[in-house]
Amino acid sequence: CSSDLLGIGFGRAIFQYVKEFIFDYSASGIGSRLRKDLFDHIQTLSMGYFDSHNTGELMARVKDDVDRIWNAMGFVGMLIIECTIHTVIIMTCMFRLSPALTVIPLLVMPVIAWYGLKMENGLGQVYDKISEQTAELNTVAQENLAGVRTVKAFAREDYEIDRFKRHNKRYYDLNMEQAKLIVKYQPNVSFLSKVMLMAIIVVGGIMVIQKRITIGELGAFSEYANNIIWPMEMVGWLSNDFAAAMASNKKIKRIMAQKPDITEPDAPVVPEKIEGELQFKHVDFDLYGSRILTDIDFTLKKGKTLGIMGVTGSGKTSIVNLTQRFYDVTNGEILLDGIDIRKLPLSLLRSQTTVVMQDVFLFSDTITDNIKTGNRDATEWESVEEASVCAEAHDFIMKLEHGYDTEISERGARLSIGQRQLLAFARTMLSKPGILILDEATSSIDTHTELLVQKGIEALLEGRTSFVIAHRLSTVRDADAIMVLEQGEIIERGTHEDLLAMKGRYYELYTGKRELD
């Protein structure tokens, strides 16, 4: 008999191990694939989606919401199945012992199920709010940490702390609301399970006196009843986690249902070679119900440089966004070598257009890998060094502790603004784009550094179709043509000399009678 008990214990241990391993393995695979699919889908969404959804919200979906589903598919899912199977087996055994006594748990269990459903519905609504608040809390923390220099520069620490406290208090209140729901229903479940056990003992005792069942059958039935209590009492906890997972699933499905505004053409045109002639043909552009650009019409020949000037909000960056097809034109068309860019594969179009912006984004990686961002196929280190030398970045890189192997901290925080800009130039030079866009690229560089990198810029512009968007007149004066924008319209165009001769807006800017914002 002892050997049988030992065998049963050993078999149970093996079964428990196999059961938990299978569920953990399956849930890990499902969670990992779900996170990957979600991240992959987010990458396909257009810029318009990111304009209306903040980083903290997306981080909450990718991390917290997937974790909740992972948990529901793993440990929680395992317990739900285990409780169900356990309950069915126990109820079968109880029915075989005494159909009459089995009526008692059959009457109590629907009431417990009702409480469980009520709790799940309430928790589902609360978890929906908690999920939203988690996203807001993440956003506040992410913005504060990313903009810590601005916070400290304007002595906003107290304001940001109060702001975080408000969101944290809201998060606390929602979690307390969750706890109140559990407290409201869970004690009822525990009370009913104990009432059920007492009723079985009382009714069973009467049946023993009446000799309808034996004392041994009542003892066995009571043990079964005792064993069915724990699945009942777990209804609340399992409903809690399951409701959280369901709320998270709704959030994720909402993102997965989003379709990108900018899509690949149905029948893409793939030219053998991109020459680089760019043409805007009477382009209008509306964004969120507002007119941004009106009747933009120009042709930029291969190898020529177009300077674009205008006050903040005049539409300069919108021309860049349209060129890379982050958005589509409302009216008109944009042609690259005579082909509507909406007919070109997105990867081909964007690989041929490289933008160097004022706010340079650097990844938490080595100097070398950051330079190779625009050309991952550049396997030879000499090409990286050559691009750095051309961009006047080589000297400062070599002064770093580990040279090109130096790890850059988040967004290049340990580098000066000028150094980050030089790395952006090196990255662009290595990518060798057909169309180059300099969007206020030298505005953060001091005059001395700009003189250093000017030769590199000239080498980069040579033979390439280029946009130069700048506040500094010195940056655009040598362009083949200059275009002045105001409220989304071209008000002047021509060479530096032509525009000065017009004595219009450009002349006012050049002579200092008017300033750019």
Foldseek 3Di string as FASTA:
>chain_A
DVVVVVVVVVVVVVVVVVLQVVQLVVLVVVLVVLLVVLVVLVVQAFVLVPVPADPLLSVLLSPVLSVLLSCCSHPLVSLVVVLVVLLVVLLVVLCVLPVVLSVLCVVLVVVLVVLLVVLLVQLLVLLLVLSVLSSVLSRLVVVCVVVVVVCVVVVVPVVSVVVNVVSVVVNVVSVVSNVVSLVVRLVVLLVSLVVSLVVLLVVVVVCCVVVVHPPVSSVVSSVSSVVSSVSSSCSSVSSNSVSNNVSSVVVSVVSVPDDHPQDADPQADDDPDFQAKKWFAQFWADDPRHTQAGGDTDIFDFLFEEEEEEFPSLRPVVVVCCQLPSDDTPDTAMDGVHHGCSRHGSVVSNLQEDEQALQFFAAQAFLQVRLCPSPVPPPDVVLLLVLLVLLVQQVVQVVDPVRRRDGAPGRNVVDASLNSLSSSSSSLQSSLHQEYEYHQSCVRPDPVSCVVRVSSVVVSSGRHYYYYYHQDCVRRQPGQKYFYGGSNYTPDMGHNVVVCVVCPDSVCPVVVVDHHD
